[in-house]
Amino acid sequence: MSDPSQRLVDDLAGCARGDHRALARLYRATSARLYAQLLRIVRDEAAAQDCLQQVYLRAWQAADRYDPARARPMTWLSTLARHVGIDWLRRRRPDADDDGTDPATLAGDRDGPAAASVRGEDARALHDCLAVLGGEQRQAMELAYFQGLTHAELAERVAQPLGTVKSWIRRGLERLKACLTTGT
């Protein structure tokens, strides 16, 4: 059983049967990546650790509903992690209306108009610089940094060799850095 994805499917099936060892294997295989994802969302180490615990609790409770035909195991777990992180952000902002806005995009809303203006300018600059990239390179950058795909997942998604995808990302980062620092 050399396929890591199949191993995760098996571990989720074990969790559905109440196998604590399967949960431990699942945790060892996925916790670092899910923790990094949660840290990007909540931007607080202690909160990310608490959220990670919640992710595995939910995975344990919902493992019987996991369907490998609908999603890969890491995709399913990443979705759980994203929801847990967003739920945490919503709980932190009790004054926020539930208008369907993604709280992960609201970081720093209370900084005032000047900070909001700077963030808007930064977002426009990034958008303009992303437009400079070629179609495949831009897609690779967006999938990697906005959707959190690993290089291997990205290579599989765009049906390109791993080395090609890594080169696109590296060169894309270099071009973005140059564009953002010089404006060209």
Protein backbone atom coordinates (compact mmCIF):
# COMPACT_ATOMS: atom_id res chain seq x y z
CA MET A 1 0.00 0.00 0.00
CA SER A 2 2.32 2.73 -1.25
CA ASP A 3 -0.32 5.30 -2.21
CA PRO A 4 -0.47 7.84 0.64
CA SER A 5 -3.94 8.97 -0.44
CA GLN A 6 -5.24 5.40 -0.18
CA ARG A 7 -3.67 5.11 3.25
CA LEU A 8 -5.62 8.19 4.35
CA VAL A 9 -8.83 6.70 2.91
CA ASP A 10 -8.16 3.55 4.91
CA ASP A 11 -7.46 5.57 8.06
CA LEU A 12 -10.72 7.51 7.64
CA ALA A 13 -12.56 4.21 7.22
CA GLY A 14 -10.85 3.03 10.42
CA CYS A 15 -12.02 6.17 12.21
CA ALA A 16 -15.57 5.43 11.05
CA ARG A 17 -15.23 2.02 12.71
CA GLY A 18 -13.95 3.60 15.94
CA ASP A 19 -10.29 2.59 15.48
CA HIS A 20 -8.21 4.98 17.61
CA ARG A 21 -4.97 3.84 15.96
CA ALA A 22 -6.37 4.91 12.58
CA LEU A 23 -7.02 8.36 14.03
CA ALA A 24 -3.46 8.52 15.35
CA ARG A 25 -2.07 7.56 11.91
CA LEU A 26 -4.33 10.12 10.24
CA TYR A 27 -3.15 12.79 12.67
CA ARG A 28 0.55 11.98 12.10
CA ALA A 29 0.11 12.06 8.33
CA THR A 30 -1.95 15.25 8.04
CA SER A 31 -1.64 17.45 11.12
CA ALA A 32 1.33 19.55 9.98
CA ARG A 33 -0.37 20.59 6.77
CA LEU A 34 -3.73 21.25 8.40
CA TYR A 35 -2.06 23.24 11.19
CA ALA A 36 -0.30 25.43 8.59
CA GLN A 37 -3.61 25.98 6.83
CA LEU A 38 -5.34 26.94 10.08
CA LEU A 39 -2.48 29.23 11.05
CA ARG A 40 -2.93 31.10 7.75
CA ILE A 41 -6.64 31.50 8.49
CA VAL A 42 -6.68 32.41 12.20
CA ARG A 43 -3.18 33.97 12.43
CA ASP A 44 -2.71 32.87 16.04
CA GLU A 45 -0.72 29.82 17.12
CA ALA A 46 -2.82 28.91 20.15
CA ALA A 47 -6.04 29.32 18.18
CA ALA A 48 -4.66 27.24 15.31
CA GLN A 49 -3.80 24.45 17.79
CA ASP A 50 -7.30 24.58 19.28
CA CYS A 51 -8.85 24.58 15.82
CA LEU A 52 -6.69 21.62 14.79
CA GLN A 53 -8.03 19.62 17.73
CA GLN A 54 -11.55 20.53 16.63
CA VAL A 55 -10.80 19.37 13.06
CA TYR A 56 -9.81 15.90 14.25
CA LEU A 57 -12.80 15.72 16.55
CA ARG A 58 -15.08 16.54 13.61
CA ALA A 59 -13.22 14.10 11.37
CA TRP A 60 -13.66 11.36 13.97
CA GLN A 61 -17.36 12.12 14.29
CA ALA A 62 -18.00 12.43 10.54
CA ALA A 63 -15.62 9.80 9.14
CA ASP A 64 -18.54 7.52 8.31
CA ARG A 65 -19.83 10.21 5.92
CA TYR A 66 -16.55 10.55 4.02
CA ASP A 67 -16.93 9.36 0.41
CA PRO A 68 -13.65 8.78 -1.47
CA ALA A 69 -15.56 9.00 -4.76
CA ARG A 70 -16.46 12.63 -4.03
CA ALA A 71 -13.20 14.02 -2.62
CA ARG A 72 -9.64 13.06 -1.85
CA PRO A 73 -8.96 12.65 1.88
CA MET A 74 -6.77 15.77 2.17
CA THR A 75 -9.36 17.81 0.31
CA TRP A 76 -12.04 16.64 2.74
CA LEU A 77 -9.85 17.32 5.77
CA SER A 78 -8.76 20.71 4.40
CA THR A 79 -12.40 21.65 3.94
CA LEU A 80 -13.10 20.69 7.55
CA ALA A 81 -10.10 22.77 8.65
CA ARG A 82 -11.22 25.77 6.63
CA HIS A 83 -14.71 25.63 8.14
CA VAL A 84 -13.33 25.28 11.67
CA GLY A 85 -10.99 28.24 11.11
CA ILE A 86 -13.74 30.42 9.71
CA ASP A 87 -16.06 29.43 12.55
CA TRP A 88 -13.35 30.50 15.00
CA LEU A 89 -13.02 33.87 13.26
CA ARG A 90 -16.78 34.39 13.37
CA ARG A 91 -16.88 33.63 17.09
CA ARG A 92 -14.14 36.22 17.66
CA ARG A 93 -16.22 38.88 15.97
CA PRO A 94 -19.55 38.74 17.80
CA ASP A 95 -20.53 42.13 16.39
CA ALA A 96 -20.20 40.90 12.80
CA ASP A 97 -23.37 40.26 10.88
CA ASP A 98 -23.60 36.88 9.21
CA ASP A 99 -23.88 38.23 5.69
CA GLY A 100 -22.03 35.38 4.01
CA THR A 101 -18.79 37.33 3.82
CA ASP A 102 -15.71 35.17 4.27
CA PRO A 103 -14.16 36.35 7.58
CA ALA A 104 -10.72 35.27 6.38
CA THR A 105 -10.84 38.25 4.01
CA LEU A 106 -11.85 40.68 6.75
CA ALA A 107 -8.61 40.67 8.73
CA GLY A 108 -7.98 44.08 10.14
CA ASP A 109 -11.37 45.58 9.25
CA ARG A 110 -11.18 47.83 12.31
CA ASP A 111 -7.88 49.47 11.31
CA GLY A 112 -9.66 52.48 9.87
CA PRO A 113 -9.95 54.09 6.45
CA ALA A 114 -6.23 54.71 5.94
CA ALA A 115 -5.31 51.07 6.55
CA ALA A 116 -8.22 49.91 4.38
CA SER A 117 -7.00 52.18 1.61
CA VAL A 118 -3.47 50.78 1.83
CA ARG A 119 -4.83 47.21 1.79
CA GLY A 120 -6.90 48.08 -1.26
CA GLU A 121 -3.86 49.53 -3.03
CA ASP A 122 -1.82 46.44 -2.13
CA ALA A 123 -4.56 44.16 -3.47
CA ARG A 124 -4.76 46.14 -6.72
CA ALA A 125 -0.98 46.04 -7.10
CA LEU A 126 -0.95 42.27 -6.55
CA HIS A 127 -3.81 41.82 -9.02
CA ASP A 128 -2.00 43.95 -11.62
CA CYS A 129 1.22 42.00 -11.11
CA LEU A 130 -0.59 38.65 -11.36
CA ALA A 131 -1.93 39.81 -14.72
CA VAL A 132 1.66 40.07 -15.97
CA LEU A 133 2.17 36.32 -15.48
CA GLY A 134 1.38 33.84 -18.23
CA GLY A 135 -1.89 31.91 -18.02
CA GLU A 136 -0.46 28.60 -16.77
CA GLN A 137 1.93 30.29 -14.36
CA ARG A 138 -0.80 32.54 -12.98
CA GLN A 139 -3.13 29.56 -12.55
CA ALA A 140 -0.40 27.66 -10.73
CA MET A 141 0.26 30.61 -8.40
CA GLU A 142 -3.43 31.09 -7.64
CA LEU A 143 -4.03 27.39 -6.96
CA ALA A 144 -0.96 27.16 -4.74
CA TYR A 145 -1.42 30.32 -2.71
CA PHE A 146 -5.14 31.05 -2.76
CA GLN A 147 -6.43 27.46 -2.64
CA GLY A 148 -3.55 25.95 -0.68
CA LEU A 149 -2.64 23.14 -3.07
CA THR A 150 0.74 21.50 -2.62
CA HIS A 151 3.11 21.33 -5.57
CA ALA A 152 2.27 17.64 -6.06
CA GLU A 153 -1.48 18.30 -6.00
CA LEU A 154 -1.00 21.20 -8.37
CA ALA A 155 1.01 19.08 -10.81
CA GLU A 156 -1.74 16.48 -10.79
CA ARG A 157 -4.48 19.10 -11.25
CA VAL A 158 -2.84 20.79 -14.24
CA ALA A 159 -1.41 17.52 -15.64
CA GLN A 160 2.17 18.77 -15.71
CA PRO A 161 5.40 17.31 -14.31
CA LEU A 162 6.20 18.27 -10.72
CA GLY A 163 9.45 19.99 -11.77
CA THR A 164 7.58 22.18 -14.25
CA VAL A 165 5.08 23.26 -11.62
CA LYS A 166 7.86 24.05 -9.14
CA SER A 167 9.61 26.15 -11.80
CA TRP A 168 6.40 28.03 -12.58
CA ILE A 169 5.93 28.83 -8.90
CA ARG A 170 9.55 29.85 -8.30
CA ARG A 171 9.71 32.05 -11.42
CA GLY A 172 6.26 33.44 -10.69
CA LEU A 173 7.32 34.47 -7.20
CA GLU A 174 10.43 36.14 -8.62
CA ARG A 175 8.35 38.05 -11.18
CA LEU A 176 5.78 39.07 -8.57
CA LYS A 177 8.49 40.29 -6.23
CA ALA A 178 10.11 42.33 -9.01
CA CYS A 179 6.76 43.71 -10.11
CA LEU A 180 5.66 44.64 -6.59
CA THR A 181 8.96 46.33 -5.71
CA THR A 182 9.44 48.21 -8.99
CA GLY A 183 5.89 48.43 -10.30
CA THR A 184 6.82 46.77 -13.60
